[in-house]
Amino acid sequence: MVSEITLDKSRKMYEKAKTLIPGGVSSPVRAIKPYPFYTASANGSRIKDLDGNEYIDYCLAYGPAILGHNHPVIKEAIKQQLDNGWLYGTPTELEVTLAEKVAGYYPSIDMLRFVSTGTEATMSALRLARGFTRRNKFIKIEGGFHGAHDAVLVKAGSGATSLGEPDSLGIPADFTKYTLQAPYNDIETMTSLVEKNKDDLAALIIEPVLGNIGPVLPLPGYLKELRKLTKENDVLLIFDEVITGFRLAMGGAQEYFGVVPDMTTLGKVVGGGLPIGVFGGKREIMEMIAPSGPVYQAGTFSGSPCSVAAGIAMLDYLKENNIHEKLNSVGDYMRTVLSETIEDEGLDYSVCGIASMFKIFFGKEPQNYQEVLKCDKEGYLAFFHRMLASGVFLPPSQFETNFISAAHSDVDIEKTLEAYAENL
């Protein structure tokens, strides 16, 4: 175990960055206390910082680097596209090819629209749901994350039957007054909320597995009960699979759990880690999108050629090499060994996860957001720094998921498990 690492160059870069970029970072999740390391390069399962320290990476850009960093198949697809140009503002054959592949894997998707980010995908999906149903309200799960647009930035703990309250300055209360919340894994509260508001309820949007605070898993039968409830009340069910899409299986969480929503959103994994998002669904819903229908959505980077080319290469590689079988097997192994470690050490912690997603919660296994908040986040942050000093990069928050990639070797896994045993 490495007892100390030098981050002098990253510290100096952070001091400079703070004078130019708010908080010194381009996204709040990167603001590691007391300062983040700045990445110089990444390859396979490893990420290297400005000071030359190398880490086994289980953050993986928060999930989408499912094949690992700098994968040669994806890189070659990008290089070939660069020779042909990288921004046209016109349709391409590539986007049709990728759309056909994605729709073929997701039973909920007859048609889809490419966008540039997961945030844009969920924003557009909710606009479309409202346009299709001619209703205003939607329900999200407390603690569920659907990007950074106004309607979904709602305070948790405001109460399932109350109006949504903005969770950020700059958002008028009117922008969230149609946003309702219910706890995860609580079908009784959800049923009451749906039935009370069904006359003006357009959709229920949910991460099938809460990835942004987890992973927190659905209780047996929960997702199927949601599907039944929304059908009975003529409410659209939207699966936000920005994290679980192509991660749990080729068909995402809906294939894994056998539940088919009305609409699906996907994120940058579809572009091999390049900027892209997807929202798709039943034909009758999607045909409401402009120019074929009255719900407006547009974007110059939608279907960006490099992202689409990378996505085609990545999806073909995933399928042809049966990557999920390997990844899910490694995930099972890691969770088993980590559980044994926790038990051996007599720690009141819990090992959670599914497929190639895993996490140790510093507390009992949570079933919803309020239970997640009870875990020891300060203790986890201290543990994060010990793991970093041991050459293992985990997401820096107790409220984020760890991911395994196809690039992680047996040596990587064993070194990681040894580091866990030492640092816990």
Protein backbone atom coordinates (compact mmCIF):
# COMPACT_ATOMS: atom_id res chain seq x y z
CA MET A 1 0.00 0.00 0.00
CA VAL A 2 1.27 3.48 -0.89
CA SER A 3 1.10 5.63 2.24
CA GLU A 4 1.51 8.99 0.52
CA ILE A 5 1.28 10.44 -2.98
CA THR A 6 2.52 13.71 -4.38
CA LEU A 7 -0.05 15.97 -6.02
CA ASP A 8 1.94 19.20 -6.23
CA LYS A 9 1.19 19.84 -9.91
CA SER A 10 -2.51 19.15 -9.43
CA ARG A 11 -2.61 21.47 -6.41
CA LYS A 12 -0.97 24.29 -8.38
CA MET A 13 -3.31 23.69 -11.32
CA TYR A 14 -6.30 23.83 -8.96
CA GLU A 15 -5.16 27.20 -7.57
CA LYS A 16 -4.95 28.54 -11.13
CA ALA A 17 -8.24 26.93 -12.16
CA LYS A 18 -10.10 28.60 -9.29
CA THR A 19 -9.29 32.00 -10.81
CA LEU A 20 -10.77 31.00 -14.17
CA ILE A 21 -13.41 28.33 -13.57
CA PRO A 22 -16.04 28.46 -10.77
CA GLY A 23 -14.81 26.17 -8.01
CA GLY A 24 -11.86 25.22 -10.21
CA VAL A 25 -13.86 22.47 -11.95
CA SER A 26 -16.26 22.17 -14.87
CA SER A 27 -18.74 19.99 -12.94
CA PRO A 28 -19.43 19.95 -9.18
CA VAL A 29 -18.87 16.20 -8.84
CA ARG A 30 -15.19 16.73 -9.66
CA ALA A 31 -14.61 19.04 -6.68
CA ILE A 32 -12.69 16.60 -4.47
CA LYS A 33 -11.60 18.00 -1.09
CA PRO A 34 -9.10 19.51 -0.54
CA TYR A 35 -8.41 19.60 -4.29
CA PRO A 36 -8.81 17.16 -7.18
CA PHE A 37 -6.08 15.48 -9.16
CA TYR A 38 -5.89 16.68 -12.77
CA THR A 39 -5.79 13.95 -15.37
CA ALA A 40 -3.03 13.86 -17.98
CA SER A 41 -4.02 10.64 -19.76
CA ALA A 42 -5.93 7.39 -19.45
CA ASN A 43 -5.56 4.00 -21.06
CA GLY A 44 -7.37 0.72 -20.43
CA SER A 45 -8.19 0.43 -16.74
CA ARG A 46 -5.69 3.11 -15.70
CA ILE A 47 -5.85 6.87 -15.34
CA LYS A 48 -2.73 9.03 -14.82
CA ASP A 49 -2.50 12.49 -13.25
CA LEU A 50 -0.23 15.49 -13.89
CA ASP A 51 2.18 14.35 -11.18
CA GLY A 52 2.65 10.97 -12.86
CA ASN A 53 0.57 8.97 -10.35
CA GLU A 54 -1.33 6.10 -11.94
CA TYR A 55 -4.60 4.70 -10.58
CA ILE A 56 -6.85 1.76 -11.34
CA ASP A 57 -10.03 3.56 -12.35
CA TYR A 58 -13.47 2.52 -11.09
CA CYS A 59 -15.07 5.88 -11.83
CA LEU A 60 -14.77 5.39 -15.61
CA ALA A 61 -16.17 8.86 -16.40
CA TYR A 62 -19.09 7.90 -14.13
CA GLY A 63 -19.90 4.78 -16.08
CA PRO A 64 -19.76 5.10 -19.86
CA ALA A 65 -16.18 3.84 -20.38
CA ILE A 66 -17.46 0.27 -20.29
CA LEU A 67 -14.61 -0.98 -22.51
CA GLY A 68 -12.03 1.04 -20.58
CA HIS A 69 -10.19 4.17 -21.64
CA ASN A 70 -8.75 4.82 -25.09
CA HIS A 71 -10.10 1.57 -26.52
CA PRO A 72 -8.49 0.88 -29.93
CA VAL A 73 -11.75 -0.10 -31.66
CA ILE A 74 -13.45 3.13 -30.63
CA LYS A 75 -10.34 5.20 -31.37
CA GLU A 76 -10.08 3.77 -34.89
CA ALA A 77 -13.74 4.56 -35.59
CA ILE A 78 -13.18 8.17 -34.49
CA LYS A 79 -10.02 8.48 -36.61
CA GLN A 80 -11.79 7.22 -39.71
CA GLN A 81 -14.62 9.69 -39.19
CA LEU A 82 -12.22 12.59 -38.62
CA ASP A 83 -10.85 12.01 -42.10
CA ASN A 84 -14.37 12.64 -43.41
CA GLY A 85 -15.16 15.62 -41.16
CA TRP A 86 -16.71 16.00 -37.75
CA LEU A 87 -19.66 18.40 -38.01
CA TYR A 88 -22.02 18.74 -40.96
CA GLY A 89 -25.41 20.02 -39.83
CA THR A 90 -26.96 17.49 -42.22
CA PRO A 91 -28.32 13.94 -41.84
CA THR A 92 -25.89 11.02 -42.16
CA GLU A 93 -26.17 7.32 -42.87
CA LEU A 94 -24.27 6.71 -39.63
CA GLU A 95 -27.08 8.04 -37.42
CA VAL A 96 -29.60 5.81 -39.15
CA THR A 97 -27.33 2.80 -38.61
CA LEU A 98 -26.86 3.57 -34.90
CA ALA A 99 -30.58 4.27 -34.42
CA GLU A 100 -31.41 0.87 -35.91
CA LYS A 101 -28.94 -0.86 -33.58
CA VAL A 102 -30.19 0.88 -30.43
CA ALA A 103 -33.85 0.27 -31.27
CA GLY A 104 -33.04 -3.38 -31.90
CA TYR A 105 -31.78 -3.83 -28.33
CA TYR A 106 -34.49 -1.88 -26.47
CA PRO A 107 -38.04 -3.27 -26.63
CA SER A 108 -39.46 0.10 -25.56
CA ILE A 109 -37.92 1.95 -28.52
CA ASP A 110 -39.62 2.00 -31.91
CA MET A 111 -38.17 5.39 -32.82
CA LEU A 112 -35.56 7.63 -31.23
CA ARG A 113 -33.95 11.04 -31.44
CA PHE A 114 -30.27 11.69 -30.84
CA VAL A 115 -29.26 14.63 -28.65
CA SER A 116 -25.95 15.69 -27.11
CA THR A 117 -26.23 14.85 -23.40
CA GLY A 118 -28.23 12.82 -20.92
CA THR A 119 -29.62 16.05 -19.48
CA GLU A 120 -30.95 17.01 -22.90
CA ALA A 121 -32.42 13.52 -23.32
CA THR A 122 -34.45 13.61 -20.11
CA MET A 123 -35.52 17.22 -20.68
CA SER A 124 -36.78 16.35 -24.15
CA ALA A 125 -38.45 13.14 -23.00
CA LEU A 126 -40.44 15.00 -20.36
CA ARG A 127 -41.45 17.71 -22.81
CA LEU A 128 -42.60 15.03 -25.24
CA ALA A 129 -44.53 13.17 -22.52
CA ARG A 130 -46.38 16.35 -21.64
CA GLY A 131 -47.05 17.13 -25.27
CA PHE A 132 -48.32 13.63 -26.02
CA THR A 133 -50.61 13.41 -22.98
CA ARG A 134 -51.61 17.10 -22.89
CA ARG A 135 -50.91 16.99 -19.14
CA ASN A 136 -48.51 19.01 -17.00
CA LYS A 137 -47.35 17.03 -13.97
CA PHE A 138 -44.75 14.32 -13.69
CA ILE A 139 -43.33 12.25 -10.85
CA LYS A 140 -39.66 11.64 -10.16
CA ILE A 141 -38.07 9.49 -7.48
CA GLU A 142 -36.66 11.23 -4.42
CA GLY A 143 -32.89 11.30 -4.89
CA GLY A 144 -33.14 10.22 -8.52
CA PHE A 145 -30.97 12.22 -10.90
CA HIS A 146 -32.09 13.21 -14.38
CA GLY A 147 -29.60 15.89 -15.30
CA ALA A 148 -29.36 19.58 -14.52
CA HIS A 149 -32.40 21.11 -16.22
CA ASP A 150 -34.86 23.20 -14.25
CA ALA A 151 -37.85 20.87 -13.91
CA VAL A 152 -35.87 18.03 -12.28
CA LEU A 153 -33.73 20.08 -9.88
CA VAL A 154 -36.14 19.63 -7.01
CA LYS A 155 -35.35 19.43 -3.30
CA ALA A 156 -35.47 15.96 -1.83
CA GLY A 157 -37.51 15.45 1.31
CA SER A 158 -40.14 18.02 0.35
CA GLY A 159 -42.84 15.37 0.69
CA ALA A 160 -44.45 13.25 -1.97
CA THR A 161 -47.73 15.13 -1.94
CA SER A 162 -46.28 18.66 -1.93
CA LEU A 163 -45.35 20.81 -4.88
CA GLY A 164 -41.74 20.60 -6.03
CA GLU A 165 -39.36 23.20 -4.61
CA PRO A 166 -36.30 24.31 -6.61
CA ASP A 167 -32.99 22.81 -5.47
CA SER A 168 -30.93 25.61 -7.00
CA LEU A 169 -30.97 29.37 -7.06
CA GLY A 170 -32.01 30.72 -10.43
CA ILE A 171 -34.99 28.38 -10.87
CA PRO A 172 -38.39 30.05 -10.44
CA ALA A 173 -40.79 28.11 -8.24
CA ASP A 174 -43.22 27.96 -11.16
CA PHE A 175 -40.72 25.79 -13.07
CA THR A 176 -40.98 22.98 -10.52
CA LYS A 177 -44.55 23.29 -9.28
CA TYR A 178 -45.62 20.40 -11.54
CA THR A 179 -42.79 18.14 -10.33
CA LEU A 180 -43.90 15.59 -7.73
CA GLN A 181 -41.72 13.16 -5.79
CA ALA A 182 -42.11 9.75 -4.19
CA PRO A 183 -39.62 7.59 -2.28
CA TYR A 184 -37.92 4.75 -4.13
CA ASN A 185 -39.17 1.24 -3.38
CA ASP A 186 -42.41 2.58 -1.84
CA ILE A 187 -45.24 1.37 -4.05
CA GLU A 188 -47.94 2.43 -1.58
CA THR A 189 -46.92 6.08 -1.57
CA MET A 190 -46.48 6.01 -5.33
CA THR A 191 -49.93 4.52 -5.84
CA SER A 192 -51.52 7.22 -3.73
CA LEU A 193 -49.63 9.96 -5.55
CA VAL A 194 -50.52 8.64 -9.01
CA GLU A 195 -54.20 8.16 -8.23
CA LYS A 196 -54.49 11.60 -6.64
CA ASN A 197 -52.92 13.39 -9.62
CA LYS A 198 -53.78 11.16 -12.59
CA ASP A 199 -56.02 13.70 -14.31
CA ASP A 200 -53.02 15.98 -14.91
CA LEU A 201 -50.17 13.44 -14.66
CA ALA A 202 -48.14 12.98 -17.82
CA ALA A 203 -45.34 10.65 -16.74
CA LEU A 204 -43.31 8.90 -14.09
CA ILE A 205 -39.56 9.10 -14.73
CA ILE A 206 -37.27 6.77 -12.83
CA GLU A 207 -33.75 5.39 -12.79
CA PRO A 208 -34.51 1.64 -12.61
CA VAL A 209 -31.44 1.35 -10.38
CA LEU A 210 -30.60 4.54 -8.51
CA GLY A 211 -27.10 5.08 -9.84
CA ASN A 212 -26.34 8.64 -8.89
CA ILE A 213 -26.71 7.94 -5.15
CA GLY A 214 -25.93 4.27 -5.20
CA PRO A 215 -26.30 1.79 -6.53
CA VAL A 216 -29.61 1.40 -4.73
CA LEU A 217 -31.51 -1.59 -6.10
CA PRO A 218 -35.23 -2.04 -6.70
CA LEU A 219 -36.96 -4.42 -4.32
CA PRO A 220 -38.31 -7.60 -5.96
CA GLY A 221 -41.40 -6.77 -8.00
CA TYR A 222 -41.14 -2.99 -7.53
CA LEU A 223 -40.52 -2.09 -11.16
CA LYS A 224 -43.25 -4.45 -12.37
CA GLU A 225 -45.68 -2.85 -9.92
CA LEU A 226 -44.77 0.59 -11.30
CA ARG A 227 -45.41 -0.65 -14.82
CA LYS A 228 -48.83 -2.00 -13.79
CA LEU A 229 -49.72 1.18 -11.91
CA THR A 230 -48.81 3.53 -14.74
CA LYS A 231 -50.68 1.45 -17.32
CA GLU A 232 -53.81 1.33 -15.20
CA ASN A 233 -53.78 5.11 -14.80
CA ASP A 234 -52.75 5.99 -18.38
CA VAL A 235 -49.46 7.54 -17.25
CA LEU A 236 -46.30 7.22 -19.35
CA LEU A 237 -43.44 5.31 -17.71
CA ILE A 238 -39.99 6.66 -18.59
CA PHE A 239 -36.88 4.65 -17.73
CA ASP A 240 -33.87 6.92 -17.40
CA GLU A 241 -31.14 4.47 -18.40
CA VAL A 242 -28.32 6.97 -18.79
CA ILE A 243 -26.39 4.85 -16.26
CA THR A 244 -27.93 1.38 -16.65
CA GLY A 245 -28.27 1.45 -20.43
CA PHE A 246 -25.83 -1.00 -22.07
CA ARG A 247 -24.35 -1.44 -18.58
CA LEU A 248 -26.58 -4.16 -17.08
CA ALA A 249 -27.20 -5.83 -20.45
CA MET A 250 -27.38 -4.93 -24.13
CA GLY A 251 -31.00 -4.03 -23.48
CA GLY A 252 -30.25 -2.27 -20.22
CA ALA A 253 -32.33 -2.53 -17.06
CA GLN A 254 -35.51 -3.22 -19.01
CA GLU A 255 -33.97 -6.39 -20.42
CA TYR A 256 -32.37 -7.30 -17.08
CA PHE A 257 -35.60 -6.92 -15.07
CA GLY A 258 -38.07 -7.78 -17.83
CA VAL A 259 -40.04 -4.52 -17.60
CA VAL A 260 -40.82 -2.49 -20.72
CA PRO A 261 -41.45 1.25 -20.21
CA ASP A 262 -43.14 3.61 -22.67
CA MET A 263 -40.02 5.74 -23.16
CA THR A 264 -36.29 5.40 -22.51
CA THR A 265 -33.39 7.82 -22.17
CA LEU A 266 -29.76 6.83 -22.74
CA GLY A 267 -26.46 8.67 -22.38
CA LYS A 268 -22.86 8.86 -23.48
CA VAL A 269 -22.23 5.12 -23.36
CA VAL A 270 -24.12 5.07 -26.69
CA GLY A 271 -21.32 7.18 -28.17
CA GLY A 272 -18.48 5.10 -26.79
CA GLY A 273 -17.91 7.85 -24.23
CA LEU A 274 -18.25 10.79 -26.63
CA PRO A 275 -21.01 13.37 -26.10
CA ILE A 276 -24.41 11.93 -27.03
CA GLY A 277 -27.84 11.26 -25.59
CA VAL A 278 -30.93 9.39 -26.75
CA PHE A 279 -34.61 9.58 -26.01
CA GLY A 280 -36.88 7.05 -27.62
CA GLY A 281 -40.17 5.26 -27.26
CA LYS A 282 -43.30 3.99 -28.90
CA ARG A 283 -43.89 5.17 -32.46
CA GLU A 284 -47.12 7.01 -31.67
CA ILE A 285 -45.30 9.02 -28.99
CA MET A 286 -42.12 9.76 -30.93
CA GLU A 287 -43.98 10.92 -34.04
CA MET A 288 -45.09 13.91 -31.98
CA ILE A 289 -41.52 15.27 -32.24
CA ALA A 290 -40.80 18.02 -34.81
CA PRO A 291 -40.70 18.04 -37.76
CA SER A 292 -43.23 15.18 -37.84
CA GLY A 293 -45.22 16.59 -34.92
CA PRO A 294 -45.84 19.69 -32.75
CA VAL A 295 -43.35 19.01 -29.90
CA TYR A 296 -40.22 21.00 -30.69
CA GLN A 297 -36.69 19.69 -30.16
CA ALA A 298 -33.50 20.57 -32.03
CA GLY A 299 -29.71 20.66 -31.76
CA THR A 300 -26.77 21.24 -34.10
CA PHE A 301 -24.71 18.49 -32.44
CA SER A 302 -27.55 15.96 -32.44
CA GLY A 303 -26.28 12.85 -34.22
CA SER A 304 -22.74 14.26 -34.27
CA PRO A 305 -20.75 12.06 -36.72
CA CYS A 306 -17.80 11.20 -34.45
CA SER A 307 -20.06 10.28 -31.54
CA VAL A 308 -22.26 8.14 -33.76
CA ALA A 309 -19.31 6.39 -35.42
CA ALA A 310 -17.79 5.64 -32.00
CA GLY A 311 -21.14 4.34 -30.79
CA ILE A 312 -21.54 1.91 -33.66
CA ALA A 313 -18.06 0.49 -33.04
CA MET A 314 -18.62 0.22 -29.29
CA LEU A 315 -22.01 -1.52 -29.51
CA ASP A 316 -20.75 -4.01 -32.09
CA TYR A 317 -17.75 -4.83 -29.91
CA LEU A 318 -19.93 -5.24 -26.81
CA LYS A 319 -22.23 -7.67 -28.57
CA GLU A 320 -19.69 -9.67 -30.55
CA ASN A 321 -17.41 -10.24 -27.56
CA ASN A 322 -20.15 -11.04 -25.03
CA ILE A 323 -18.72 -8.39 -22.72
CA HIS A 324 -21.60 -8.38 -20.24
CA GLU A 325 -21.12 -12.00 -19.24
CA LYS A 326 -17.52 -11.25 -18.24
CA LEU A 327 -18.29 -7.95 -16.54
CA ASN A 328 -21.23 -9.26 -14.53
CA SER A 329 -19.19 -12.26 -13.41
CA VAL A 330 -16.40 -9.99 -12.18
CA GLY A 331 -18.98 -7.83 -10.42
CA ASP A 332 -20.38 -10.86 -8.59
CA TYR A 333 -16.86 -11.88 -7.56
CA MET A 334 -15.94 -8.43 -6.25
CA ARG A 335 -19.14 -8.08 -4.23
CA THR A 336 -18.64 -11.55 -2.72
CA VAL A 337 -15.06 -10.87 -1.65
CA LEU A 338 -15.87 -7.38 -0.37
CA SER A 339 -18.75 -8.78 1.69
CA GLU A 340 -16.38 -11.33 3.22
CA THR A 341 -13.91 -8.55 4.01
CA ILE A 342 -16.60 -6.47 5.71
CA GLU A 343 -17.65 -9.48 7.78
CA ASP A 344 -14.08 -10.39 8.70
CA GLU A 345 -13.40 -6.85 9.88
CA GLY A 346 -16.64 -6.72 11.86
CA LEU A 347 -17.71 -3.52 10.14
CA ASP A 348 -21.30 -2.29 10.09
CA TYR A 349 -21.08 -1.53 6.38
CA SER A 350 -22.90 -2.99 3.38
CA VAL A 351 -21.79 -4.08 -0.07
CA CYS A 352 -24.32 -3.19 -2.75
CA GLY A 353 -24.51 -3.50 -6.51
CA ILE A 354 -25.70 -5.29 -9.59
CA ALA A 355 -24.01 -6.56 -12.74
CA SER A 356 -20.77 -4.51 -13.06
CA MET A 357 -21.84 -1.80 -10.60
CA PHE A 358 -20.73 -1.96 -6.96
CA LYS A 359 -20.30 0.13 -3.83
CA ILE A 360 -19.60 -0.13 -0.13
CA PHE A 361 -22.02 1.96 1.90
CA PHE A 362 -20.67 3.07 5.25
CA GLY A 363 -23.89 1.98 6.95
CA LYS A 364 -26.71 -0.50 6.39
CA GLU A 365 -27.87 -1.27 2.85
CA PRO A 366 -30.19 1.57 1.83
CA GLN A 367 -33.48 1.10 -0.01
CA ASN A 368 -34.16 4.79 -0.68
CA TYR A 369 -32.58 8.22 -0.63
CA GLN A 370 -33.31 9.02 3.01
CA GLU A 371 -31.52 5.82 4.07
CA VAL A 372 -28.55 6.66 1.85
CA LEU A 373 -28.18 9.99 3.66
CA LYS A 374 -27.66 8.16 6.96
CA CYS A 375 -24.40 6.62 5.73
CA ASP A 376 -21.07 8.04 6.92
CA LYS A 377 -20.01 10.36 4.09
CA GLU A 378 -17.06 11.85 5.99
CA GLY A 379 -15.75 8.40 6.83
CA TYR A 380 -16.11 7.43 3.20
CA LEU A 381 -14.17 10.50 2.03
CA ALA A 382 -11.26 9.58 4.32
CA PHE A 383 -11.42 6.05 2.91
CA PHE A 384 -11.43 7.46 -0.64
CA HIS A 385 -8.14 9.27 0.01
CA ARG A 386 -6.56 6.12 1.47
CA MET A 387 -7.62 4.16 -1.62
CA LEU A 388 -6.23 6.88 -3.90
CA ALA A 389 -2.90 6.67 -2.08
CA SER A 390 -3.03 2.91 -2.72
CA GLY A 391 -3.41 3.50 -6.46
CA VAL A 392 -7.18 2.96 -6.73
CA PHE A 393 -9.49 5.74 -7.95
CA LEU A 394 -13.07 5.41 -6.73
CA PRO A 395 -15.77 8.07 -7.18
CA PRO A 396 -15.02 10.58 -4.41
CA SER A 397 -18.51 10.60 -2.89
CA GLN A 398 -20.37 8.05 -0.79
CA PHE A 399 -23.27 8.84 -3.10
CA GLU A 400 -21.82 7.57 -6.40
CA THR A 401 -21.48 4.16 -8.04
CA ASN A 402 -18.26 2.27 -8.83
CA PHE A 403 -18.01 0.66 -12.28
CA ILE A 404 -15.98 -2.20 -13.75
CA SER A 405 -14.77 -2.15 -17.36
CA ALA A 406 -13.74 -4.83 -19.79
CA ALA A 407 -10.19 -3.50 -19.46
CA HIS A 408 -9.86 -4.41 -15.79
CA SER A 409 -7.53 -7.40 -15.55
CA ASP A 410 -7.40 -10.12 -12.91
CA VAL A 411 -4.33 -8.35 -11.51
CA ASP A 412 -6.29 -5.08 -11.28
CA ILE A 413 -9.14 -6.77 -9.44
CA GLU A 414 -6.90 -8.55 -6.93
CA LYS A 415 -4.86 -5.41 -6.25
CA THR A 416 -8.10 -3.51 -5.70
CA LEU A 417 -9.48 -6.10 -3.29
CA GLU A 418 -6.20 -6.04 -1.35
CA ALA A 419 -6.43 -2.25 -1.13
CA TYR A 420 -9.99 -2.49 0.18
CA ALA A 421 -8.91 -4.98 2.86
CA GLU A 422 -6.03 -2.73 3.96
CA ASN A 423 -7.87 0.58 3.89
CA LEU A 424 -11.20 -0.41 5.40
